[in-house]
Amino acid sequence: VGSRQAAERVKNEIESKLALGGMGLFQPEKPALP
């Protein structure tokens, strides 16, 4: 991801998406680059 702060934000987003629909919801998307 880049910086630690950006990685923490991506982690929170992924946890939310995994809770809603599993890996399938996350795979088509890429986290924003720093």
PDB file of all heavy atoms in Angstrom:
ATOM      1  N   VAL A   1       0.816  -1.210   0.000  1.00  0.00           N
ATOM      2  CA  VAL A   1       0.000   0.000   0.000  1.00  0.00           C
ATOM      3  C   VAL A   1       0.852   1.263   0.000  1.00  0.00           C
ATOM      4  O   VAL A   1       0.672   2.154  -0.817  1.00  0.00           O
ATOM      5  CB  VAL A   1      -0.961   0.016   1.212  1.00  0.00           C
ATOM      6  CG1 VAL A   1      -1.756   1.320   1.245  1.00  0.00           C
ATOM      7  CG2 VAL A   1      -1.891  -1.179   1.149  1.00  0.00           C
ATOM      8  N   GLY A   2       1.807   1.374   0.909  1.00  0.00           N
ATOM      9  CA  GLY A   2       2.604   2.595   1.003  1.00  0.00           C
ATOM     10  C   GLY A   2       2.898   2.912   2.454  1.00  0.00           C
ATOM     11  O   GLY A   2       3.584   2.165   3.147  1.00  0.00           O
ATOM     12  N   SER A   3       2.369   4.027   2.937  1.00  0.00           N
ATOM     13  CA  SER A   3       2.611   4.419   4.320  1.00  0.00           C
ATOM     14  C   SER A   3       1.762   3.573   5.272  1.00  0.00           C
ATOM     15  O   SER A   3       0.781   2.926   4.871  1.00  0.00           O
ATOM     16  CB  SER A   3       2.281   5.898   4.514  1.00  0.00           C
ATOM     17  OG  SER A   3       0.892   6.114   4.337  1.00  0.00           O
ATOM     18  N   ARG A   4       2.132   3.614   6.542  1.00  0.00           N
ATOM     19  CA  ARG A   4       1.383   2.841   7.521  1.00  0.00           C
ATOM     20  C   ARG A   4      -0.038   3.374   7.675  1.00  0.00           C
ATOM     21  O   ARG A   4      -0.982   2.603   7.829  1.00  0.00           O
ATOM     22  CB  ARG A   4       2.116   2.865   8.852  1.00  0.00           C
ATOM     23  CG  ARG A   4       1.425   2.045   9.922  1.00  0.00           C
ATOM     24  CD  ARG A   4       2.292   1.834  11.130  1.00  0.00           C
ATOM     25  NE  ARG A   4       1.674   0.917  12.072  1.00  0.00           N
ATOM     26  CZ  ARG A   4       2.287   0.433  13.140  1.00  0.00           C
ATOM     27  NH1 ARG A   4       3.543   0.784  13.401  1.00  0.00           N
ATOM     28  NH2 ARG A   4       1.653  -0.401  13.952  1.00  0.00           N
ATOM     29  N   GLN A   5      -0.164   4.702   7.624  1.00  0.00           N
ATOM     30  CA  GLN A   5      -1.499   5.292   7.759  1.00  0.00           C
ATOM     31  C   GLN A   5      -2.420   4.838   6.623  1.00  0.00           C
ATOM     32  O   GLN A   5      -3.587   4.482   6.843  1.00  0.00           O
ATOM     33  CB  GLN A   5      -1.395   6.825   7.777  1.00  0.00           C
ATOM     34  CG  GLN A   5      -0.690   7.402   8.996  1.00  0.00           C
ATOM     35  CD  GLN A   5       0.820   7.326   8.899  1.00  0.00           C
ATOM     36  OE1 GLN A   5       1.345   6.867   7.877  1.00  0.00           O
ATOM     37  NE2 GLN A   5       1.515   7.765   9.930  1.00  0.00           N
ATOM     38  N   ALA A   6      -1.879   4.836   5.397  1.00  0.00           N
ATOM     39  CA  ALA A   6      -2.688   4.387   4.260  1.00  0.00           C
ATOM     40  C   ALA A   6      -3.032   2.912   4.395  1.00  0.00           C
ATOM     41  O   ALA A   6      -4.152   2.484   4.062  1.00  0.00           O
ATOM     42  CB  ALA A   6      -1.936   4.642   2.961  1.00  0.00           C
ATOM     43  N   ALA A   7      -2.083   2.107   4.890  1.00  0.00           N
ATOM     44  CA  ALA A   7      -2.339   0.680   5.061  1.00  0.00           C
ATOM     45  C   ALA A   7      -3.438   0.434   6.090  1.00  0.00           C
ATOM     46  O   ALA A   7      -4.275  -0.472   5.927  1.00  0.00           O
ATOM     47  CB  ALA A   7      -1.053  -0.027   5.464  1.00  0.00           C
ATOM     48  N   GLU A   8      -3.460   1.242   7.163  1.00  0.00           N
ATOM     49  CA  GLU A   8      -4.523   1.093   8.175  1.00  0.00           C
ATOM     50  C   GLU A   8      -5.894   1.406   7.574  1.00  0.00           C
ATOM     51  O   GLU A   8      -6.889   0.725   7.882  1.00  0.00           O
ATOM     52  CB  GLU A   8      -4.231   2.007   9.360  1.00  0.00           C
ATOM     53  CG  GLU A   8      -3.014   1.624  10.198  1.00  0.00           C
ATOM     54  CD  GLU A   8      -3.240   0.359  11.012  1.00  0.00           C
ATOM     55  OE1 GLU A   8      -4.404  -0.109  11.076  1.00  0.00           O
ATOM     56  OE2 GLU A   8      -2.257  -0.152  11.577  1.00  0.00           O
ATOM     57  N   ARG A   9      -5.941   2.438   6.715  1.00  0.00           N
ATOM     58  CA  ARG A   9      -7.232   2.765   6.083  1.00  0.00           C
ATOM     59  C   ARG A   9      -7.708   1.630   5.181  1.00  0.00           C
ATOM     60  O   ARG A   9      -8.890   1.251   5.184  1.00  0.00           O
ATOM     61  CB  ARG A   9      -7.098   4.058   5.270  1.00  0.00           C
ATOM     62  CG  ARG A   9      -6.891   5.309   6.101  1.00  0.00           C
ATOM     63  CD  ARG A   9      -7.173   6.560   5.279  1.00  0.00           C
ATOM     64  NE  ARG A   9      -6.329   6.644   4.103  1.00  0.00           N
ATOM     65  CZ  ARG A   9      -5.151   7.265   4.079  1.00  0.00           C
ATOM     66  NH1 ARG A   9      -4.688   7.831   5.189  1.00  0.00           N
ATOM     67  NH2 ARG A   9      -4.446   7.315   2.978  1.00  0.00           N
ATOM     68  N   VAL A  10      -6.789   1.087   4.387  1.00  0.00           N
ATOM     69  CA  VAL A  10      -7.153  -0.022   3.500  1.00  0.00           C
ATOM     70  C   VAL A  10      -7.590  -1.233   4.311  1.00  0.00           C
ATOM     71  O   VAL A  10      -8.542  -1.941   3.953  1.00  0.00           O
ATOM     72  CB  VAL A  10      -5.958  -0.371   2.586  1.00  0.00           C
ATOM     73  CG1 VAL A  10      -6.235  -1.637   1.792  1.00  0.00           C
ATOM     74  CG2 VAL A  10      -5.669   0.781   1.634  1.00  0.00           C
ATOM     75  N   LYS A  11      -6.920  -1.489   5.430  1.00  0.00           N
ATOM     76  CA  LYS A  11      -7.288  -2.618   6.291  1.00  0.00           C
ATOM     77  C   LYS A  11      -8.732  -2.492   6.768  1.00  0.00           C
ATOM     78  O   LYS A  11      -9.509  -3.460   6.731  1.00  0.00           O
ATOM     79  CB  LYS A  11      -6.333  -2.665   7.482  1.00  0.00           C
ATOM     80  CG  LYS A  11      -6.731  -3.642   8.603  1.00  0.00           C
ATOM     81  CD  LYS A  11      -5.727  -3.590   9.729  1.00  0.00           C
ATOM     82  CE  LYS A  11      -6.143  -4.482  10.897  1.00  0.00           C
ATOM     83  NZ  LYS A  11      -7.352  -3.970  11.572  1.00  0.00           N
ATOM     84  N   ASN A  12      -9.124  -1.286   7.199  1.00  0.00           N
ATOM     85  CA  ASN A  12     -10.494  -1.088   7.677  1.00  0.00           C
ATOM     86  C   ASN A  12     -11.512  -1.302   6.558  1.00  0.00           C
ATOM     87  O   ASN A  12     -12.576  -1.897   6.763  1.00  0.00           O
ATOM     88  CB  ASN A  12     -10.645   0.315   8.267  1.00  0.00           C
ATOM     89  CG  ASN A  12      -9.808   0.495   9.523  1.00  0.00           C
ATOM     90  OD1 ASN A  12      -9.519  -0.469  10.227  1.00  0.00           O
ATOM     91  ND2 ASN A  12      -9.425   1.735   9.804  1.00  0.00           N
ATOM     92  N   GLU A  13     -11.168  -0.815   5.339  1.00  0.00           N
ATOM     93  CA  GLU A  13     -12.072  -1.001   4.213  1.00  0.00           C
ATOM     94  C   GLU A  13     -12.241  -2.481   3.870  1.00  0.00           C
ATOM     95  O   GLU A  13     -13.359  -2.947   3.603  1.00  0.00           O
ATOM     96  CB  GLU A  13     -11.542  -0.248   2.986  1.00  0.00           C
ATOM     97  CG  GLU A  13     -11.521   1.264   3.149  1.00  0.00           C
ATOM     98  CD  GLU A  13     -10.878   1.951   1.959  1.00  0.00           C
ATOM     99  OE1 GLU A  13     -10.526   1.242   0.986  1.00  0.00           O
ATOM    100  OE2 GLU A  13     -10.698   3.190   2.002  1.00  0.00           O
ATOM    101  N   ILE A  14     -11.146  -3.225   3.887  1.00  0.00           N
ATOM    102  CA  ILE A  14     -11.200  -4.645   3.543  1.00  0.00           C
ATOM    103  C   ILE A  14     -11.988  -5.417   4.577  1.00  0.00           C
ATOM    104  O   ILE A  14     -12.800  -6.307   4.241  1.00  0.00           O
ATOM    105  CB  ILE A  14      -9.768  -5.198   3.409  1.00  0.00           C
ATOM    106  CG1 ILE A  14      -9.082  -4.573   2.200  1.00  0.00           C
ATOM    107  CG2 ILE A  14      -9.788  -6.721   3.274  1.00  0.00           C
ATOM    108  CD1 ILE A  14      -7.623  -4.955   2.070  1.00  0.00           C
ATOM    109  N   GLU A  15     -11.791  -5.092   5.845  1.00  0.00           N
ATOM    110  CA  GLU A  15     -12.545  -5.796   6.897  1.00  0.00           C
ATOM    111  C   GLU A  15     -14.041  -5.577   6.727  1.00  0.00           C
ATOM    112  O   GLU A  15     -14.848  -6.505   6.907  1.00  0.00           O
ATOM    113  CB  GLU A  15     -12.078  -5.311   8.268  1.00  0.00           C
ATOM    114  CG  GLU A  15     -10.711  -5.827   8.678  1.00  0.00           C
ATOM    115  CD  GLU A  15     -10.256  -5.294  10.020  1.00  0.00           C
ATOM    116  OE1 GLU A  15     -10.699  -4.180  10.388  1.00  0.00           O
ATOM    117  OE2 GLU A  15      -9.456  -5.985  10.690  1.00  0.00           O
ATOM    118  N   SER A  16     -14.425  -4.375   6.365  1.00  0.00           N
ATOM    119  CA  SER A  16     -15.850  -4.090   6.161  1.00  0.00           C
ATOM    120  C   SER A  16     -16.404  -4.891   4.988  1.00  0.00           C
ATOM    121  O   SER A  16     -17.501  -5.469   5.058  1.00  0.00           O
ATOM    122  CB  SER A  16     -16.053  -2.598   5.916  1.00  0.00           C
ATOM    123  OG  SER A  16     -15.613  -1.838   7.017  1.00  0.00           O
ATOM    124  N   LYS A  17     -15.652  -4.935   3.887  1.00  0.00           N
ATOM    125  CA  LYS A  17     -16.133  -5.646   2.695  1.00  0.00           C
ATOM    126  C   LYS A  17     -16.159  -7.150   2.911  1.00  0.00           C
ATOM    127  O   LYS A  17     -17.062  -7.841   2.427  1.00  0.00           O
ATOM    128  CB  LYS A  17     -15.246  -5.304   1.509  1.00  0.00           C
ATOM    129  CG  LYS A  17     -15.391  -3.853   1.063  1.00  0.00           C
ATOM    130  CD  LYS A  17     -14.493  -3.544  -0.113  1.00  0.00           C
ATOM    131  CE  LYS A  17     -14.668  -2.083  -0.546  1.00  0.00           C
ATOM    132  NZ  LYS A  17     -13.805  -1.737  -1.692  1.00  0.00           N
ATOM    133  N   LEU A  18     -15.168  -7.677   3.635  1.00  0.00           N
ATOM    134  CA  LEU A  18     -15.163  -9.106   3.918  1.00  0.00           C
ATOM    135  C   LEU A  18     -16.342  -9.489   4.802  1.00  0.00           C
ATOM    136  O   LEU A  18     -16.942 -10.568   4.637  1.00  0.00           O
ATOM    137  CB  LEU A  18     -13.852  -9.498   4.594  1.00  0.00           C
ATOM    138  CG  LEU A  18     -12.600  -9.493   3.710  1.00  0.00           C
ATOM    139  CD1 LEU A  18     -11.367  -9.811   4.537  1.00  0.00           C
ATOM    140  CD2 LEU A  18     -12.751 -10.495   2.579  1.00  0.00           C
ATOM    141  N   ALA A  19     -16.688  -8.622   5.737  1.00  0.00           N
ATOM    142  CA  ALA A  19     -17.827  -8.906   6.613  1.00  0.00           C
ATOM    143  C   ALA A  19     -19.139  -8.937   5.831  1.00  0.00           C
ATOM    144  O   ALA A  19     -20.061  -9.683   6.152  1.00  0.00           O
ATOM    145  CB  ALA A  19     -17.892  -7.865   7.723  1.00  0.00           C
ATOM    146  N   LEU A  20     -19.204  -8.174   4.745  1.00  0.00           N
ATOM    147  CA  LEU A  20     -20.423  -8.116   3.948  1.00  0.00           C
ATOM    148  C   LEU A  20     -20.519  -9.240   2.913  1.00  0.00           C
ATOM    149  O   LEU A  20     -21.584  -9.819   2.724  1.00  0.00           O
ATOM    150  CB  LEU A  20     -20.510  -6.777   3.225  1.00  0.00           C
ATOM    151  CG  LEU A  20     -20.751  -5.548   4.107  1.00  0.00           C
ATOM    152  CD1 LEU A  20     -20.680  -4.280   3.272  1.00  0.00           C
ATOM    153  CD2 LEU A  20     -22.110  -5.645   4.810  1.00  0.00           C
ATOM    154  N   GLY A  21     -19.427  -9.533   2.253  1.00  0.00           N
ATOM    155  CA  GLY A  21     -19.573 -10.492   1.155  1.00  0.00           C
ATOM    156  C   GLY A  21     -18.391 -11.363   0.879  1.00  0.00           C
ATOM    157  O   GLY A  21     -18.352 -12.023  -0.169  1.00  0.00           O
ATOM    158  N   GLY A  22     -17.386 -11.421   1.711  1.00  0.00           N
ATOM    159  CA  GLY A  22     -16.258 -12.298   1.497  1.00  0.00           C
ATOM    160  C   GLY A  22     -15.269 -11.748   0.493  1.00  0.00           C
ATOM    161  O   GLY A  22     -15.323 -10.598   0.060  1.00  0.00           O
ATOM    162  N   MET A  23     -14.363 -12.622   0.052  1.00  0.00           N
ATOM    163  CA  MET A  23     -13.271 -12.218  -0.834  1.00  0.00           C
ATOM    164  C   MET A  23     -13.780 -11.745  -2.180  1.00  0.00           C
ATOM    165  O   MET A  23     -13.161 -10.939  -2.846  1.00  0.00           O
ATOM    166  CB  MET A  23     -12.305 -13.390  -1.046  1.00  0.00           C
ATOM    167  CG  MET A  23     -11.465 -13.724   0.156  1.00  0.00           C
ATOM    168  SD  MET A  23     -10.184 -12.523   0.503  1.00  0.00           S
ATOM    169  CE  MET A  23      -9.033 -12.863  -0.811  1.00  0.00           C
ATOM    170  N   GLY A  24     -14.922 -12.253  -2.596  1.00  0.00           N
ATOM    171  CA  GLY A  24     -15.427 -11.879  -3.921  1.00  0.00           C
ATOM    172  C   GLY A  24     -15.689 -10.395  -4.060  1.00  0.00           C
ATOM    173  O   GLY A  24     -15.515  -9.830  -5.133  1.00  0.00           O
ATOM    174  N   LEU A  25     -16.122  -9.754  -3.005  1.00  0.00           N
ATOM    175  CA  LEU A  25     -16.377  -8.317  -3.076  1.00  0.00           C
ATOM    176  C   LEU A  25     -15.090  -7.517  -3.169  1.00  0.00           C
ATOM    177  O   LEU A  25     -15.078  -6.415  -3.711  1.00  0.00           O
ATOM    178  CB  LEU A  25     -17.166  -7.875  -1.831  1.00  0.00           C
ATOM    179  CG  LEU A  25     -18.618  -8.326  -1.763  1.00  0.00           C
ATOM    180  CD1 LEU A  25     -19.240  -7.872  -0.451  1.00  0.00           C
ATOM    181  CD2 LEU A  25     -19.398  -7.757  -2.941  1.00  0.00           C
ATOM    182  N   PHE A  26     -14.009  -8.083  -2.648  1.00  0.00           N
ATOM    183  CA  PHE A  26     -12.768  -7.318  -2.620  1.00  0.00           C
ATOM    184  C   PHE A  26     -11.920  -7.503  -3.870  1.00  0.00           C
ATOM    185  O   PHE A  26     -11.275  -6.574  -4.342  1.00  0.00           O
ATOM    186  CB  PHE A  26     -11.956  -7.735  -1.387  1.00  0.00           C
ATOM    187  CG  PHE A  26     -10.567  -7.200  -1.388  1.00  0.00           C
ATOM    188  CD1 PHE A  26     -10.326  -5.859  -1.187  1.00  0.00           C
ATOM    189  CD2 PHE A  26      -9.493  -8.034  -1.625  1.00  0.00           C
ATOM    190  CE1 PHE A  26      -9.034  -5.356  -1.209  1.00  0.00           C
ATOM    191  CE2 PHE A  26      -8.202  -7.542  -1.645  1.00  0.00           C
ATOM    192  CZ  PHE A  26      -7.973  -6.210  -1.435  1.00  0.00           C
ATOM    193  N   GLN A  27     -11.929  -8.691  -4.434  1.00  0.00           N
ATOM    194  CA  GLN A  27     -11.013  -9.015  -5.509  1.00  0.00           C
ATOM    195  C   GLN A  27     -11.104  -8.107  -6.734  1.00  0.00           C
ATOM    196  O   GLN A  27     -10.096  -7.753  -7.312  1.00  0.00           O
ATOM    197  CB  GLN A  27     -11.193 -10.479  -5.921  1.00  0.00           C
ATOM    198  CG  GLN A  27     -10.602 -11.426  -4.885  1.00  0.00           C
ATOM    199  CD  GLN A  27     -10.847 -12.868  -5.250  1.00  0.00           C
ATOM    200  OE1 GLN A  27     -11.737 -13.173  -6.049  1.00  0.00           O
ATOM    201  NE2 GLN A  27     -10.079 -13.772  -4.652  1.00  0.00           N
ATOM    202  N   PRO A  28     -12.285  -7.693  -7.193  1.00  0.00           N
ATOM    203  CA  PRO A  28     -12.328  -6.858  -8.390  1.00  0.00           C
ATOM    204  C   PRO A  28     -11.740  -5.473  -8.177  1.00  0.00           C
ATOM    205  O   PRO A  28     -11.449  -4.773  -9.139  1.00  0.00           O
ATOM    206  CB  PRO A  28     -13.822  -6.764  -8.711  1.00  0.00           C
ATOM    207  CG  PRO A  28     -14.437  -7.919  -8.002  1.00  0.00           C
ATOM    208  CD  PRO A  28     -13.633  -8.074  -6.757  1.00  0.00           C
ATOM    209  N   GLU A  29     -11.578  -5.038  -6.956  1.00  0.00           N
ATOM    210  CA  GLU A  29     -11.119  -3.692  -6.678  1.00  0.00           C
ATOM    211  C   GLU A  29      -9.665  -3.695  -6.220  1.00  0.00           C
ATOM    212  O   GLU A  29      -9.170  -4.663  -5.679  1.00  0.00           O
ATOM    213  CB  GLU A  29     -11.982  -3.040  -5.589  1.00  0.00           C
ATOM    214  CG  GLU A  29     -13.459  -2.968  -5.963  1.00  0.00           C
ATOM    215  CD  GLU A  29     -14.269  -2.354  -4.838  1.00  0.00           C
ATOM    216  OE1 GLU A  29     -13.634  -1.818  -3.900  1.00  0.00           O
ATOM    217  OE2 GLU A  29     -15.493  -2.401  -4.902  1.00  0.00           O
ATOM    218  N   LYS A  30      -8.989  -2.602  -6.437  1.00  0.00           N
ATOM    219  CA  LYS A  30      -7.637  -2.425  -5.960  1.00  0.00           C
ATOM    220  C   LYS A  30      -7.606  -1.250  -4.999  1.00  0.00           C
ATOM    221  O   LYS A  30      -8.250  -0.236  -5.239  1.00  0.00           O
ATOM    222  CB  LYS A  30      -6.671  -2.150  -7.116  1.00  0.00           C
ATOM    223  CG  LYS A  30      -6.478  -3.327  -8.042  1.00  0.00           C
ATOM    224  CD  LYS A  30      -5.447  -2.996  -9.111  1.00  0.00           C
ATOM    225  CE  LYS A  30      -5.221  -4.185 -10.022  1.00  0.00           C
ATOM    226  NZ  LYS A  30      -4.230  -3.873 -11.083  1.00  0.00           N
ATOM    227  N   PRO A  31      -6.892  -1.379  -3.907  1.00  0.00           N
ATOM    228  CA  PRO A  31      -6.808  -0.246  -2.984  1.00  0.00           C
ATOM    229  C   PRO A  31      -6.106   0.926  -3.648  1.00  0.00           C
ATOM    230  O   PRO A  31      -5.262   0.758  -4.530  1.00  0.00           O
ATOM    231  CB  PRO A  31      -5.967  -0.801  -1.822  1.00  0.00           C
ATOM    232  CG  PRO A  31      -5.196  -1.932  -2.417  1.00  0.00           C
ATOM    233  CD  PRO A  31      -6.069  -2.525  -3.470  1.00  0.00           C
ATOM    234  N   ALA A  32      -6.453   2.119  -3.228  1.00  0.00           N
ATOM    235  CA  ALA A  32      -5.867   3.321  -3.818  1.00  0.00           C
ATOM    236  C   ALA A  32      -4.372   3.376  -3.509  1.00  0.00           C
ATOM    237  O   ALA A  32      -3.942   3.107  -2.382  1.00  0.00           O
ATOM    238  CB  ALA A  32      -6.564   4.557  -3.269  1.00  0.00           C
ATOM    239  N   LEU A  33      -3.572   3.719  -4.531  1.00  0.00           N
ATOM    240  CA  LEU A  33      -2.137   3.847  -4.332  1.00  0.00           C
ATOM    241  C   LEU A  33      -1.832   5.128  -3.558  1.00  0.00           C
ATOM    242  O   LEU A  33      -2.584   6.102  -3.621  1.00  0.00           O
ATOM    243  CB  LEU A  33      -1.421   3.865  -5.675  1.00  0.00           C
ATOM    244  CG  LEU A  33      -1.422   2.557  -6.463  1.00  0.00           C
ATOM    245  CD1 LEU A  33      -0.691   2.766  -7.785  1.00  0.00           C
ATOM    246  CD2 LEU A  33      -0.761   1.446  -5.680  1.00  0.00           C
ATOM    247  N   PRO A  34      -0.708   5.148  -2.853  1.00  0.00           N
ATOM    248  CA  PRO A  34      -0.346   6.366  -2.119  1.00  0.00           C
ATOM    249  C   PRO A  34       0.074   7.471  -3.078  1.00  0.00           C
ATOM    250  O   PRO A  34       0.427   7.225  -4.239  1.00  0.00           O
ATOM    251  CB  PRO A  34       0.829   5.908  -1.255  1.00  0.00           C
ATOM    252  CG  PRO A  34       1.447   4.784  -2.024  1.00  0.00           C
ATOM    253  CD  PRO A  34       0.289   4.075  -2.672  1.00  0.00           C
TER     254      PRO A  34
END
